[in-house]
Protein backbone atom coordinates (compact mmCIF):
# COMPACT_ATOMS: atom_id res chain seq x y z
CA MET A 1 5.04 10.63 -19.63
CA VAL A 2 2.55 11.66 -16.99
CA PRO A 3 2.99 15.59 -15.46
CA PRO A 4 3.69 15.60 -12.26
CA SER A 5 0.32 17.25 -10.92
CA ASP A 6 -1.42 14.46 -12.40
CA ARG A 7 0.85 11.75 -10.95
CA ALA A 8 -0.07 13.23 -7.73
CA GLN A 9 -3.35 13.11 -8.22
CA LEU A 10 -3.41 9.29 -9.41
CA ARG A 11 -1.52 8.26 -6.83
CA ALA A 12 -3.63 9.82 -4.34
CA LEU A 13 -6.66 8.44 -6.18
CA LEU A 14 -5.25 4.94 -5.79
CA SER A 15 -4.34 4.93 -2.36
CA ASN A 16 -7.45 5.82 -0.95
CA ARG A 17 -9.39 3.54 -3.17
CA SER A 18 -6.82 0.90 -1.96
CA ARG A 19 -8.12 1.75 1.46
CA ALA A 20 -11.95 1.44 0.63
CA LEU A 21 -11.08 -1.80 -1.14
CA LEU A 22 -9.24 -3.29 2.10
CA GLY A 23 -12.04 -1.82 4.57
CA ALA A 24 -14.44 -3.60 2.00
CA GLY A 25 -12.72 -7.04 2.82
CA ARG A 26 -11.54 -7.07 -0.84
CA ALA A 27 -7.84 -7.35 0.12
CA ALA A 28 -6.32 -8.45 -3.17
CA GLU A 29 -7.80 -5.68 -5.54
CA ALA A 30 -6.54 -3.26 -2.62
CA LEU A 31 -2.97 -4.63 -3.29
CA GLY A 32 -3.87 -4.38 -6.67
CA ASP A 33 -4.02 -0.55 -6.37
CA ALA A 34 -1.51 0.46 -3.73
CA ARG A 35 0.92 -1.80 -6.07
CA ALA A 36 0.19 0.84 -8.83
CA ALA A 37 0.35 3.81 -6.59
CA ALA A 38 3.72 2.72 -5.58
CA GLU A 39 4.48 2.85 -9.47
CA ALA A 40 3.27 6.07 -9.95
CA ALA A 41 5.03 7.88 -6.99
CA PRO A 42 7.70 5.20 -6.19
CA GLY A 43 9.65 6.99 -3.21
CA TRP A 44 5.82 7.29 -1.82
CA ALA A 45 6.13 5.49 1.61
CA LYS A 46 2.06 5.75 1.76
CA ALA A 47 1.90 3.53 -1.23
CA ARG A 48 3.95 0.86 0.36
CA TRP A 49 2.58 1.56 3.83
CA ARG A 50 -1.00 0.47 1.93
CA MET A 51 0.93 -2.28 0.41
CA GLY A 52 1.80 -3.67 3.47
CA ARG A 53 -1.83 -3.48 5.16
CA ALA A 54 -3.34 -5.26 2.16
CA LEU A 55 -0.51 -8.11 2.59
CA GLY A 56 -1.24 -8.48 5.88
CA ALA A 57 -4.72 -8.99 5.28
CA LEU A 58 -4.19 -11.65 2.73
CA GLY A 59 -1.63 -13.15 5.51
CA ARG A 60 1.41 -12.56 3.57
CA TRP A 61 3.15 -11.41 6.90
CA ALA A 62 7.18 -11.47 5.16
CA THR A 63 6.11 -9.39 2.70
CA ARG A 64 4.45 -7.30 4.97
CA GLN A 65 7.53 -6.86 6.79
CA GLN A 66 9.59 -6.20 4.00
CA GLN A 67 7.31 -3.82 2.51
CA GLY A 68 7.49 -1.78 6.19
CA ALA A 69 10.99 -2.09 6.05
CA ARG A 70 11.28 -0.22 2.59
CA ALA A 71 8.79 2.46 3.62
CA GLY A 72 10.60 3.19 6.78
CA VAL A 73 7.90 1.90 8.97
CA GLN A 74 8.98 -0.49 12.01
CA THR A 75 6.55 -3.33 12.31
CA ASP A 76 6.52 -5.06 15.70
CA HIS A 77 4.82 -8.65 16.45
CA ALA A 78 1.72 -6.99 17.88
CA ASP A 79 0.95 -5.04 14.58
CA LEU A 80 0.77 -8.37 12.44
CA SER A 81 -2.42 -9.12 13.77
CA SER A 82 -3.82 -5.81 12.52
């Protein structure tokens, strides 16, 4: 089992790398890191939000909306293009 302090660092690292990968146009890899961050911290909404952003970049809108709902984020149609 990973100690809580290490888990917090891991989730932050994976979340930040997910953002960087998404910015570099590497959405599939960004999704992988976002999923790993969500596994490291299941209740952390930011990881789900990162997953939603990566899914949107991959054109997987329905799954993106589901992730947004799980993270407690409301997604309107205008937001789906970002």
